[in-house]
């Protein structure tokens, strides 16, 4: 009998999910490298997303002790709340628990 490993299929993260993930990570202020590693993005991808979010005022830049911190704005928090609401509506059965790698998990964890 051959060894069969049971793997959960990897789902591609969509753009809205990645945006929610970045906003959740930056809720209390985060360095660029922290966002990059926690969101599992390349440097180029991160820069693209940060520029997009800054232009739309979902993120703002703060400088503290010569460090550049990215912080989610109130508009960004509203995005996260709406994202959570839509995710809850789309979940089958409506009772699935929030996964630890979900942006919603990070939002709840930091509030």
PDB file of N, CA and C in Angstrom:
ATOM      1  N   UNK A   1       0.838  -1.189   0.000  1.00  0.00           N
ATOM      2  CA  UNK A   1       0.000   0.000   0.000  1.00  0.00           C
ATOM      3  C   UNK A   1       0.875   1.241   0.000  1.00  0.00           C
ATOM      4  N   UNK A   2       0.576   2.156  -0.837  1.00  0.00           N
ATOM      5  CA  UNK A   2       1.345   3.378  -0.969  1.00  0.00           C
ATOM      6  C   UNK A   2       0.984   4.362   0.139  1.00  0.00           C
ATOM      7  N   UNK A   3       1.992   5.097   0.611  1.00  0.00           N
ATOM      8  CA  UNK A   3       1.710   6.131   1.604  1.00  0.00           C
ATOM      9  C   UNK A   3       0.959   7.275   0.947  1.00  0.00           C
ATOM     10  N   UNK A   4      -0.203   7.542   1.475  1.00  0.00           N
ATOM     11  CA  UNK A   4      -0.995   8.651   0.946  1.00  0.00           C
ATOM     12  C   UNK A   4      -1.028   9.739   1.998  1.00  0.00           C
ATOM     13  N   UNK A   5      -0.679  10.916   1.581  1.00  0.00           N
ATOM     14  CA  UNK A   5      -0.776  12.027   2.525  1.00  0.00           C
ATOM     15  C   UNK A   5      -2.029  12.825   2.210  1.00  0.00           C
ATOM     16  N   UNK A   6      -2.696  13.183   3.251  1.00  0.00           N
ATOM     17  CA  UNK A   6      -3.904  13.979   3.089  1.00  0.00           C
ATOM     18  C   UNK A   6      -3.502  15.435   3.217  1.00  0.00           C
ATOM     19  N   UNK A   7      -3.667  16.156   2.138  1.00  0.00           N
ATOM     20  CA  UNK A   7      -3.314  17.571   2.137  1.00  0.00           C
ATOM     21  C   UNK A   7      -4.557  18.392   1.885  1.00  0.00           C
ATOM     22  N   UNK A   8      -4.631  19.500   2.578  1.00  0.00           N
ATOM     23  CA  UNK A   8      -5.719  20.416   2.287  1.00  0.00           C
ATOM     24  C   UNK A   8      -5.310  21.226   1.072  1.00  0.00           C
ATOM     25  N   UNK A   9      -6.203  21.391   0.142  1.00  0.00           N
ATOM     26  CA  UNK A   9      -5.843  22.136  -1.066  1.00  0.00           C
ATOM     27  C   UNK A   9      -5.534  23.593  -0.732  1.00  0.00           C
ATOM     28  N   UNK A  10      -4.482  24.096  -1.333  1.00  0.00           N
ATOM     29  CA  UNK A  10      -4.120  25.503  -1.125  1.00  0.00           C
ATOM     30  C   UNK A  10      -4.998  26.359  -2.007  1.00  0.00           C
ATOM     31  N   UNK A  11      -5.594  27.319  -1.386  1.00  0.00           N
ATOM     32  CA  UNK A  11      -6.416  28.249  -2.143  1.00  0.00           C
ATOM     33  C   UNK A  11      -5.606  29.497  -2.415  1.00  0.00           C
ATOM     34  N   UNK A  12      -5.773  30.028  -3.583  1.00  0.00           N
ATOM     35  CA  UNK A  12      -5.146  31.292  -3.930  1.00  0.00           C
ATOM     36  C   UNK A  12      -5.820  32.408  -3.170  1.00  0.00           C
ATOM     37  N   UNK A  13      -5.033  33.296  -2.643  1.00  0.00           N
ATOM     38  CA  UNK A  13      -5.603  34.447  -1.961  1.00  0.00           C
ATOM     39  C   UNK A  13      -5.980  35.489  -2.996  1.00  0.00           C
ATOM     40  N   UNK A  14      -7.171  36.016  -2.884  1.00  0.00           N
ATOM     41  CA  UNK A  14      -7.552  37.059  -3.828  1.00  0.00           C
ATOM     42  C   UNK A  14      -7.102  38.421  -3.316  1.00  0.00           C
ATOM     43  N   UNK A  15      -7.217  39.409  -4.176  1.00  0.00           N
ATOM     44  CA  UNK A  15      -6.738  40.762  -3.866  1.00  0.00           C
ATOM     45  C   UNK A  15      -7.436  41.353  -2.640  1.00  0.00           C
ATOM     46  N   UNK A  16      -8.745  41.145  -2.529  1.00  0.00           N
ATOM     47  CA  UNK A  16      -9.492  41.692  -1.396  1.00  0.00           C
ATOM     48  C   UNK A  16      -9.052  41.059  -0.078  1.00  0.00           C
ATOM     49  N   UNK A  17      -8.744  39.762  -0.113  1.00  0.00           N
ATOM     50  CA  UNK A  17      -8.254  39.060   1.072  1.00  0.00           C
ATOM     51  C   UNK A  17      -6.900  39.619   1.496  1.00  0.00           C
ATOM     52  N   UNK A  18      -6.002  39.806   0.542  1.00  0.00           N
ATOM     53  CA  UNK A  18      -4.664  40.321   0.849  1.00  0.00           C
ATOM     54  C   UNK A  18      -4.759  41.733   1.415  1.00  0.00           C
ATOM     55  N   UNK A  19      -5.634  42.548   0.852  1.00  0.00           N
ATOM     56  CA  UNK A  19      -5.837  43.902   1.374  1.00  0.00           C
ATOM     57  C   UNK A  19      -6.321  43.843   2.814  1.00  0.00           C
ATOM     58  N   UNK A  20      -7.294  42.982   3.087  1.00  0.00           N
ATOM     59  CA  UNK A  20      -7.799  42.835   4.451  1.00  0.00           C
ATOM     60  C   UNK A  20      -6.695  42.360   5.387  1.00  0.00           C
ATOM     61  N   UNK A  21      -5.871  41.457   4.920  1.00  0.00           N
ATOM     62  CA  UNK A  21      -4.772  40.936   5.721  1.00  0.00           C
ATOM     63  C   UNK A  21      -3.780  42.046   6.080  1.00  0.00           C
ATOM     64  N   UNK A  22      -3.408  42.855   5.100  1.00  0.00           N
ATOM     65  CA  UNK A  22      -2.477  43.965   5.343  1.00  0.00           C
ATOM     66  C   UNK A  22      -3.081  44.959   6.336  1.00  0.00           C
ATOM     67  N   UNK A  23      -4.343  45.310   6.132  1.00  0.00           N
ATOM     68  CA  UNK A  23      -4.996  46.270   7.021  1.00  0.00           C
ATOM     69  C   UNK A  23      -5.099  45.743   8.447  1.00  0.00           C
ATOM     70  N   UNK A  24      -5.363  44.457   8.589  1.00  0.00           N
ATOM     71  CA  UNK A  24      -5.446  43.855   9.924  1.00  0.00           C
ATOM     72  C   UNK A  24      -4.077  43.851  10.600  1.00  0.00           C
ATOM     73  N   UNK A  25      -3.041  43.547   9.853  1.00  0.00           N
ATOM     74  CA  UNK A  25      -1.680  43.530  10.397  1.00  0.00           C
ATOM     75  C   UNK A  25      -1.274  44.927  10.845  1.00  0.00           C
ATOM     76  N   UNK A  26      -1.654  45.938  10.075  1.00  0.00           N
ATOM     77  CA  UNK A  26      -1.230  47.317  10.345  1.00  0.00           C
ATOM     78  C   UNK A  26      -2.184  48.068  11.278  1.00  0.00           C
ATOM     79  N   UNK A  27      -3.134  47.374  11.841  1.00  0.00           N
ATOM     80  CA  UNK A  27      -4.146  48.042  12.678  1.00  0.00           C
ATOM     81  C   UNK A  27      -3.530  48.871  13.804  1.00  0.00           C
ATOM     82  N   UNK A  28      -2.516  48.370  14.456  1.00  0.00           N
ATOM     83  CA  UNK A  28      -1.869  49.087  15.560  1.00  0.00           C
ATOM     84  C   UNK A  28      -0.541  49.711  15.140  1.00  0.00           C
ATOM     85  N   UNK A  29      -0.250  49.677  13.851  1.00  0.00           N
ATOM     86  CA  UNK A  29       0.998  50.211  13.331  1.00  0.00           C
ATOM     87  C   UNK A  29       2.027  49.106  13.170  1.00  0.00           C
ATOM     88  N   UNK A  30       2.585  48.993  11.974  1.00  0.00           N
ATOM     89  CA  UNK A  30       3.575  47.954  11.686  1.00  0.00           C
ATOM     90  C   UNK A  30       4.631  48.489  10.736  1.00  0.00           C
ATOM     91  N   UNK A  31       5.820  47.930  10.861  1.00  0.00           N
ATOM     92  CA  UNK A  31       6.897  48.227   9.932  1.00  0.00           C
ATOM     93  C   UNK A  31       6.636  47.505   8.611  1.00  0.00           C
ATOM     94  N   UNK A  32       7.232  48.020   7.557  1.00  0.00           N
ATOM     95  CA  UNK A  32       7.072  47.437   6.232  1.00  0.00           C
ATOM     96  C   UNK A  32       7.481  45.959   6.212  1.00  0.00           C
ATOM     97  N   UNK A  33       8.606  45.646   6.836  1.00  0.00           N
ATOM     98  CA  UNK A  33       9.075  44.251   6.831  1.00  0.00           C
ATOM     99  C   UNK A  33       8.133  43.346   7.626  1.00  0.00           C
ATOM    100  N   UNK A  34       7.549  43.862   8.698  1.00  0.00           N
ATOM    101  CA  UNK A  34       6.598  43.055   9.472  1.00  0.00           C
ATOM    102  C   UNK A  34       5.383  42.706   8.612  1.00  0.00           C
ATOM    103  N   UNK A  35       4.892  43.689   7.885  1.00  0.00           N
ATOM    104  CA  UNK A  35       3.739  43.447   7.007  1.00  0.00           C
ATOM    105  C   UNK A  35       4.116  42.435   5.926  1.00  0.00           C
ATOM    106  N   UNK A  36       5.282  42.616   5.332  1.00  0.00           N
ATOM    107  CA  UNK A  36       5.728  41.736   4.255  1.00  0.00           C
ATOM    108  C   UNK A  36       5.783  40.278   4.718  1.00  0.00           C
ATOM    109  N   UNK A  37       6.397  40.029   5.861  1.00  0.00           N
ATOM    110  CA  UNK A  37       6.540  38.652   6.342  1.00  0.00           C
ATOM    111  C   UNK A  37       5.226  38.069   6.840  1.00  0.00           C
ATOM    112  N   UNK A  38       4.449  38.846   7.588  1.00  0.00           N
ATOM    113  CA  UNK A  38       3.197  38.320   8.136  1.00  0.00           C
ATOM    114  C   UNK A  38       2.151  38.083   7.049  1.00  0.00           C
ATOM    115  N   UNK A  39       2.179  38.905   5.998  1.00  0.00           N
ATOM    116  CA  UNK A  39       1.230  38.731   4.900  1.00  0.00           C
ATOM    117  C   UNK A  39       1.783  37.808   3.812  1.00  0.00           C
ATOM    118  N   UNK A  40       3.028  37.374   3.967  1.00  0.00           N
ATOM    119  CA  UNK A  40       3.681  36.472   3.021  1.00  0.00           C
ATOM    120  C   UNK A  40       3.658  37.040   1.599  1.00  0.00           C
ATOM    121  N   UNK A  41       4.197  38.266   1.480  1.00  0.00           N
ATOM    122  CA  UNK A  41       4.273  38.936   0.184  1.00  0.00           C
ATOM    123  C   UNK A  41       5.728  39.197  -0.184  1.00  0.00           C
ATOM    124  N   UNK A  42       5.998  39.269  -1.460  1.00  0.00           N
ATOM    125  CA  UNK A  42       7.324  39.679  -1.896  1.00  0.00           C
ATOM    126  C   UNK A  42       7.448  41.189  -1.695  1.00  0.00           C
ATOM    127  N   UNK A  43       8.671  41.701  -1.776  1.00  0.00           N
ATOM    128  CA  UNK A  43       8.895  43.126  -1.597  1.00  0.00           C
ATOM    129  C   UNK A  43       8.156  43.926  -2.679  1.00  0.00           C
ATOM    130  N   UNK A  44       8.194  43.441  -3.908  1.00  0.00           N
ATOM    131  CA  UNK A  44       7.513  44.128  -5.017  1.00  0.00           C
ATOM    132  C   UNK A  44       5.996  44.134  -4.811  1.00  0.00           C
ATOM    133  N   UNK A  45       5.445  42.988  -4.418  1.00  0.00           N
ATOM    134  CA  UNK A  45       4.006  42.911  -4.158  1.00  0.00           C
ATOM    135  C   UNK A  45       3.611  43.855  -3.026  1.00  0.00           C
ATOM    136  N   UNK A  46       4.406  43.832  -1.969  1.00  0.00           N
ATOM    137  CA  UNK A  46       4.115  44.684  -0.818  1.00  0.00           C
ATOM    138  C   UNK A  46       4.069  46.151  -1.225  1.00  0.00           C
ATOM    139  N   UNK A  47       5.066  46.602  -1.977  1.00  0.00           N
ATOM    140  CA  UNK A  47       5.101  47.997  -2.415  1.00  0.00           C
ATOM    141  C   UNK A  47       3.876  48.359  -3.256  1.00  0.00           C
ATOM    142  N   UNK A  48       3.465  47.445  -4.107  1.00  0.00           N
ATOM    143  CA  UNK A  48       2.280  47.678  -4.936  1.00  0.00           C
ATOM    144  C   UNK A  48       1.032  47.855  -4.052  1.00  0.00           C
ATOM    145  N   UNK A  49       0.863  46.951  -3.090  1.00  0.00           N
ATOM    146  CA  UNK A  49      -0.298  47.033  -2.197  1.00  0.00           C
ATOM    147  C   UNK A  49      -0.237  48.272  -1.305  1.00  0.00           C
ATOM    148  N   UNK A  50       0.929  48.582  -0.754  1.00  0.00           N
ATOM    149  CA  UNK A  50       1.041  49.748   0.115  1.00  0.00           C
ATOM    150  C   UNK A  50       0.718  51.029  -0.646  1.00  0.00           C
ATOM    151  N   UNK A  51       1.244  51.170  -1.849  1.00  0.00           N
ATOM    152  CA  UNK A  51       0.935  52.349  -2.664  1.00  0.00           C
ATOM    153  C   UNK A  51      -0.559  52.459  -2.938  1.00  0.00           C
ATOM    154  N   UNK A  52      -1.173  51.346  -3.279  1.00  0.00           N
ATOM    155  CA  UNK A  52      -2.614  51.306  -3.540  1.00  0.00           C
ATOM    156  C   UNK A  52      -3.401  51.735  -2.300  1.00  0.00           C
ATOM    157  N   UNK A  53      -3.053  51.175  -1.145  1.00  0.00           N
ATOM    158  CA  UNK A  53      -3.787  51.460   0.093  1.00  0.00           C
ATOM    159  C   UNK A  53      -3.550  52.882   0.587  1.00  0.00           C
ATOM    160  N   UNK A  54      -2.356  53.401   0.395  1.00  0.00           N
ATOM    161  CA  UNK A  54      -2.062  54.782   0.788  1.00  0.00           C
ATOM    162  C   UNK A  54      -2.840  55.772  -0.091  1.00  0.00           C
ATOM    163  N   UNK A  55      -2.899  55.521  -1.395  1.00  0.00           N
ATOM    164  CA  UNK A  55      -3.631  56.404  -2.305  1.00  0.00           C
ATOM    165  C   UNK A  55      -5.122  56.446  -1.982  1.00  0.00           C
ATOM    166  N   UNK A  56      -5.644  55.345  -1.509  1.00  0.00           N
ATOM    167  CA  UNK A  56      -7.069  55.262  -1.193  1.00  0.00           C
ATOM    168  C   UNK A  56      -7.366  55.581   0.267  1.00  0.00           C
ATOM    169  N   UNK A  57      -6.339  56.009   0.974  1.00  0.00           N
ATOM    170  CA  UNK A  57      -6.433  56.424   2.384  1.00  0.00           C
ATOM    171  C   UNK A  57      -6.974  55.337   3.308  1.00  0.00           C
ATOM    172  N   UNK A  58      -6.621  54.088   2.988  1.00  0.00           N
ATOM    173  CA  UNK A  58      -6.942  52.970   3.876  1.00  0.00           C
ATOM    174  C   UNK A  58      -5.797  52.743   4.861  1.00  0.00           C
ATOM    175  N   UNK A  59      -4.622  53.228   4.495  1.00  0.00           N
ATOM    176  CA  UNK A  59      -3.420  53.180   5.335  1.00  0.00           C
ATOM    177  C   UNK A  59      -2.839  54.588   5.407  1.00  0.00           C
ATOM    178  N   UNK A  60      -2.130  54.857   6.498  1.00  0.00           N
ATOM    179  CA  UNK A  60      -1.368  56.111   6.597  1.00  0.00           C
ATOM    180  C   UNK A  60       0.027  55.771   7.099  1.00  0.00           C
ATOM    181  N   UNK A  61       0.945  56.695   6.886  1.00  0.00           N
ATOM    182  CA  UNK A  61       2.330  56.498   7.289  1.00  0.00           C
ATOM    183  C   UNK A  61       2.612  57.401   8.478  1.00  0.00           C
ATOM    184  N   UNK A  62       3.174  56.819   9.525  1.00  0.00           N
ATOM    185  CA  UNK A  62       3.622  57.567  10.700  1.00  0.00           C
ATOM    186  C   UNK A  62       5.107  57.326  10.882  1.00  0.00           C
ATOM    187  N   UNK A  63       5.837  58.342  11.299  1.00  0.00           N
ATOM    188  CA  UNK A  63       7.251  58.174  11.609  1.00  0.00           C
ATOM    189  C   UNK A  63       7.433  58.320  13.105  1.00  0.00           C
ATOM    190  N   UNK A  64       7.950  57.267  13.728  1.00  0.00           N
ATOM    191  CA  UNK A  64       8.203  57.256  15.167  1.00  0.00           C
ATOM    192  C   UNK A  64       9.615  56.755  15.402  1.00  0.00           C
ATOM    193  N   UNK A  65      10.405  57.540  16.133  1.00  0.00           N
ATOM    194  CA  UNK A  65      11.791  57.157  16.428  1.00  0.00           C
ATOM    195  C   UNK A  65      12.552  56.764  15.162  1.00  0.00           C
ATOM    196  N   UNK A  66      12.411  57.560  14.127  1.00  0.00           N
ATOM    197  CA  UNK A  66      13.071  57.344  12.837  1.00  0.00           C
ATOM    198  C   UNK A  66      12.660  56.039  12.151  1.00  0.00           C
ATOM    199  N   UNK A  67      11.526  55.499  12.545  1.00  0.00           N
ATOM    200  CA  UNK A  67      11.002  54.289  11.896  1.00  0.00           C
ATOM    201  C   UNK A  67       9.691  54.638  11.211  1.00  0.00           C
ATOM    202  N   UNK A  68       9.517  54.127  10.024  1.00  0.00           N
ATOM    203  CA  UNK A  68       8.286  54.364   9.267  1.00  0.00           C
ATOM    204  C   UNK A  68       7.291  53.259   9.584  1.00  0.00           C
ATOM    205  N   UNK A  69       6.177  53.659  10.174  1.00  0.00           N
ATOM    206  CA  UNK A  69       5.126  52.713  10.527  1.00  0.00           C
ATOM    207  C   UNK A  69       3.920  52.934   9.621  1.00  0.00           C
ATOM    208  N   UNK A  70       3.311  51.849   9.223  1.00  0.00           N
ATOM    209  CA  UNK A  70       2.081  51.894   8.445  1.00  0.00           C
ATOM    210  C   UNK A  70       0.940  51.556   9.394  1.00  0.00           C
ATOM    211  N   UNK A  71      -0.084  52.402   9.384  1.00  0.00           N
ATOM    212  CA  UNK A  71      -1.198  52.231  10.307  1.00  0.00           C
ATOM    213  C   UNK A  71      -2.518  52.304   9.543  1.00  0.00           C
ATOM    214  N   UNK A  72      -3.425  51.428   9.886  1.00  0.00           N
ATOM    215  CA  UNK A  72      -4.737  51.392   9.260  1.00  0.00           C
ATOM    216  C   UNK A  72      -5.544  52.610   9.700  1.00  0.00           C
ATOM    217  N   UNK A  73      -6.159  53.283   8.745  1.00  0.00           N
ATOM    218  CA  UNK A  73      -6.990  54.451   9.044  1.00  0.00           C
ATOM    219  C   UNK A  73      -8.396  53.993   9.451  1.00  0.00           C
ATOM    220  N   UNK A  74      -9.219  54.929   9.848  1.00  0.00           N
ATOM    221  CA  UNK A  74     -10.605  54.583  10.193  1.00  0.00           C
ATOM    222  C   UNK A  74     -11.347  54.061   8.953  1.00  0.00           C
ATOM    223  N   UNK A  75     -11.000  54.585   7.785  1.00  0.00           N
ATOM    224  CA  UNK A  75     -11.564  54.086   6.528  1.00  0.00           C
ATOM    225  C   UNK A  75     -11.129  52.633   6.290  1.00  0.00           C
ATOM    226  N   UNK A  76      -9.878  52.317   6.644  1.00  0.00           N
ATOM    227  CA  UNK A  76      -9.372  50.953   6.522  1.00  0.00           C
ATOM    228  C   UNK A  76     -10.053  49.999   7.495  1.00  0.00           C
ATOM    229  N   UNK A  77     -10.325  50.476   8.703  1.00  0.00           N
ATOM    230  CA  UNK A  77     -11.041  49.659   9.699  1.00  0.00           C
ATOM    231  C   UNK A  77     -12.449  49.368   9.195  1.00  0.00           C
ATOM    232  N   UNK A  78     -13.072  50.351   8.561  1.00  0.00           N
ATOM    233  CA  UNK A  78     -14.406  50.153   7.984  1.00  0.00           C
ATOM    234  C   UNK A  78     -14.357  49.087   6.883  1.00  0.00           C
ATOM    235  N   UNK A  79     -13.299  49.104   6.073  1.00  0.00           N
ATOM    236  CA  UNK A  79     -13.108  48.071   5.058  1.00  0.00           C
ATOM    237  C   UNK A  79     -13.061  46.691   5.718  1.00  0.00           C
ATOM    238  N   UNK A  80     -12.286  46.579   6.804  1.00  0.00           N
ATOM    239  CA  UNK A  80     -12.171  45.294   7.500  1.00  0.00           C
ATOM    240  C   UNK A  80     -13.517  44.822   8.052  1.00  0.00           C
ATOM    241  N   UNK A  81     -14.279  45.742   8.611  1.00  0.00           N
ATOM    242  CA  UNK A  81     -15.598  45.385   9.145  1.00  0.00           C
ATOM    243  C   UNK A  81     -16.516  44.897   8.027  1.00  0.00           C
ATOM    244  N   UNK A  82     -16.497  45.608   6.893  1.00  0.00           N
ATOM    245  CA  UNK A  82     -17.318  45.196   5.745  1.00  0.00           C
ATOM    246  C   UNK A  82     -16.845  43.865   5.171  1.00  0.00           C
ATOM    247  N   UNK A  83     -15.533  43.682   5.123  1.00  0.00           N
ATOM    248  CA  UNK A  83     -14.968  42.424   4.630  1.00  0.00           C
ATOM    249  C   UNK A  83     -15.431  41.256   5.512  1.00  0.00           C
ATOM    250  N   UNK A  84     -15.407  41.468   6.818  1.00  0.00           N
ATOM    251  CA  UNK A  84     -15.853  40.423   7.746  1.00  0.00           C
ATOM    252  C   UNK A  84     -17.332  40.108   7.533  1.00  0.00           C
ATOM    253  N   UNK A  85     -18.129  41.140   7.373  1.00  0.00           N
ATOM    254  CA  UNK A  85     -19.565  40.940   7.176  1.00  0.00           C
ATOM    255  C   UNK A  85     -19.845  40.146   5.901  1.00  0.00           C
ATOM    256  N   UNK A  86     -19.166  40.498   4.823  1.00  0.00           N
ATOM    257  CA  UNK A  86     -19.347  39.784   3.561  1.00  0.00           C
ATOM    258  C   UNK A  86     -18.852  38.349   3.682  1.00  0.00           C
ATOM    259  N   UNK A  87     -17.715  38.145   4.337  1.00  0.00           N
ATOM    260  CA  UNK A  87     -17.182  36.788   4.536  1.00  0.00           C
ATOM    261  C   UNK A  87     -18.164  35.931   5.319  1.00  0.00           C
ATOM    262  N   UNK A  88     -18.777  36.509   6.340  1.00  0.00           N
ATOM    263  CA  UNK A  88     -19.764  35.771   7.130  1.00  0.00           C
ATOM    264  C   UNK A  88     -20.978  35.396   6.291  1.00  0.00           C
ATOM    265  N   UNK A  89     -21.415  36.288   5.423  1.00  0.00           N
ATOM    266  CA  UNK A  89     -22.563  36.002   4.554  1.00  0.00           C
ATOM    267  C   UNK A  89     -22.266  34.880   3.575  1.00  0.00           C
ATOM    268  N   UNK A  90     -21.031  34.815   3.104  1.00  0.00           N
ATOM    269  CA  UNK A  90     -20.676  33.842   2.081  1.00  0.00           C
ATOM    270  C   UNK A  90     -20.285  32.473   2.624  1.00  0.00           C
ATOM    271  N   UNK A  91     -19.998  32.413   3.914  1.00  0.00           N
ATOM    272  CA  UNK A  91     -19.629  31.115   4.493  1.00  0.00           C
ATOM    273  C   UNK A  91     -20.803  30.160   4.444  1.00  0.00           C
ATOM    274  N   UNK A  92     -20.530  28.941   4.062  1.00  0.00           N
ATOM    275  CA  UNK A  92     -21.585  27.930   4.040  1.00  0.00           C
ATOM    276  C   UNK A  92     -22.021  27.620   5.460  1.00  0.00           C
ATOM    277  N   UNK A  93     -23.284  27.619   5.698  1.00  0.00           N
ATOM    278  CA  UNK A  93     -23.813  27.303   7.015  1.00  0.00           C
ATOM    279  C   UNK A  93     -23.671  28.439   8.004  1.00  0.00           C
ATOM    280  N   UNK A  94     -22.846  29.417   7.702  1.00  0.00           N
ATOM    281  CA  UNK A  94     -22.687  30.573   8.566  1.00  0.00           C
ATOM    282  C   UNK A  94     -22.026  30.301   9.899  1.00  0.00           C
ATOM    283  N   UNK A  95     -21.657  29.045  10.189  1.00  0.00           N
ATOM    284  CA  UNK A  95     -21.109  28.740  11.501  1.00  0.00           C
ATOM    285  C   UNK A  95     -19.656  28.315  11.505  1.00  0.00           C
ATOM    286  N   UNK A  96     -18.968  28.466  10.381  1.00  0.00           N
ATOM    287  CA  UNK A  96     -17.564  28.073  10.340  1.00  0.00           C
ATOM    288  C   UNK A  96     -16.735  28.977  11.229  1.00  0.00           C
ATOM    289  N   UNK A  97     -15.829  28.413  12.002  1.00  0.00           N
ATOM    290  CA  UNK A  97     -14.995  29.248  12.865  1.00  0.00           C
ATOM    291  C   UNK A  97     -14.009  30.079  12.052  1.00  0.00           C
ATOM    292  N   UNK A  98     -13.568  31.165  12.631  1.00  0.00           N
ATOM    293  CA  UNK A  98     -12.583  32.021  11.985  1.00  0.00           C
ATOM    294  C   UNK A  98     -11.219  31.365  12.114  1.00  0.00           C
ATOM    295  N   UNK A  99     -10.538  31.163  10.975  1.00  0.00           N
ATOM    296  CA  UNK A  99      -9.217  30.531  10.983  1.00  0.00           C
ATOM    297  C   UNK A  99      -8.169  31.508  11.497  1.00  0.00           C
ATOM    298  N   UNK A 100      -7.097  30.964  12.073  1.00  0.00           N
ATOM    299  CA  UNK A 100      -6.028  31.791  12.637  1.00  0.00           C
ATOM    300  C   UNK A 100      -5.272  32.565  11.576  1.00  0.00           C
ATOM    301  N   UNK A 101      -5.318  32.121  10.316  1.00  0.00           N
ATOM    302  CA  UNK A 101      -4.602  32.851   9.272  1.00  0.00           C
ATOM    303  C   UNK A 101      -5.497  33.839   8.544  1.00  0.00           C
ATOM    304  N   UNK A 102      -6.705  34.008   9.025  1.00  0.00           N
ATOM    305  CA  UNK A 102      -7.650  34.915   8.401  1.00  0.00           C
ATOM    306  C   UNK A 102      -7.454  36.349   8.881  1.00  0.00           C
ATOM    307  N   UNK A 103      -7.625  37.346   8.009  1.00  0.00           N
ATOM    308  CA  UNK A 103      -7.527  38.737   8.441  1.00  0.00           C
ATOM    309  C   UNK A 103      -8.547  39.051   9.531  1.00  0.00           C
ATOM    310  N   UNK A 104      -9.677  38.376   9.484  1.00  0.00           N
ATOM    311  CA  UNK A 104     -10.714  38.607  10.489  1.00  0.00           C
ATOM    312  C   UNK A 104     -10.205  38.184  11.859  1.00  0.00           C
ATOM    313  N   UNK A 105      -9.427  37.102  11.907  1.00  0.00           N
ATOM    314  CA  UNK A 105      -8.828  36.654  13.162  1.00  0.00           C
ATOM    315  C   UNK A 105      -7.944  37.748  13.736  1.00  0.00           C
ATOM    316  N   UNK A 106      -7.119  38.360  12.896  1.00  0.00           N
ATOM    317  CA  UNK A 106      -6.205  39.414  13.369  1.00  0.00           C
ATOM    318  C   UNK A 106      -6.957  40.640  13.826  1.00  0.00           C
ATOM    319  N   UNK A 107      -8.054  40.960  13.141  1.00  0.00           N
ATOM    320  CA  UNK A 107      -8.863  42.099  13.533  1.00  0.00           C
ATOM    321  C   UNK A 107      -9.448  41.862  14.922  1.00  0.00           C
ATOM    322  N   UNK A 108      -9.996  40.687  15.147  1.00  0.00           N
ATOM    323  CA  UNK A 108     -10.592  40.375  16.447  1.00  0.00           C
ATOM    324  C   UNK A 108      -9.540  40.288  17.532  1.00  0.00           C
ATOM    325  N   UNK A 109      -8.369  39.829  17.184  1.00  0.00           N
ATOM    326  CA  UNK A 109      -7.287  39.650  18.158  1.00  0.00           C
ATOM    327  C   UNK A 109      -6.738  40.982  18.664  1.00  0.00           C
ATOM    328  N   UNK A 110      -6.766  42.012  17.805  1.00  0.00           N
ATOM    329  CA  UNK A 110      -6.185  43.296  18.175  1.00  0.00           C
ATOM    330  C   UNK A 110      -7.212  44.272  18.732  1.00  0.00           C
ATOM    331  N   UNK A 111      -8.478  43.887  18.777  1.00  0.00           N
ATOM    332  CA  UNK A 111      -9.496  44.796  19.321  1.00  0.00           C
ATOM    333  C   UNK A 111      -9.847  44.447  20.736  1.00  0.00           C
TER     334      UNK A 111
END
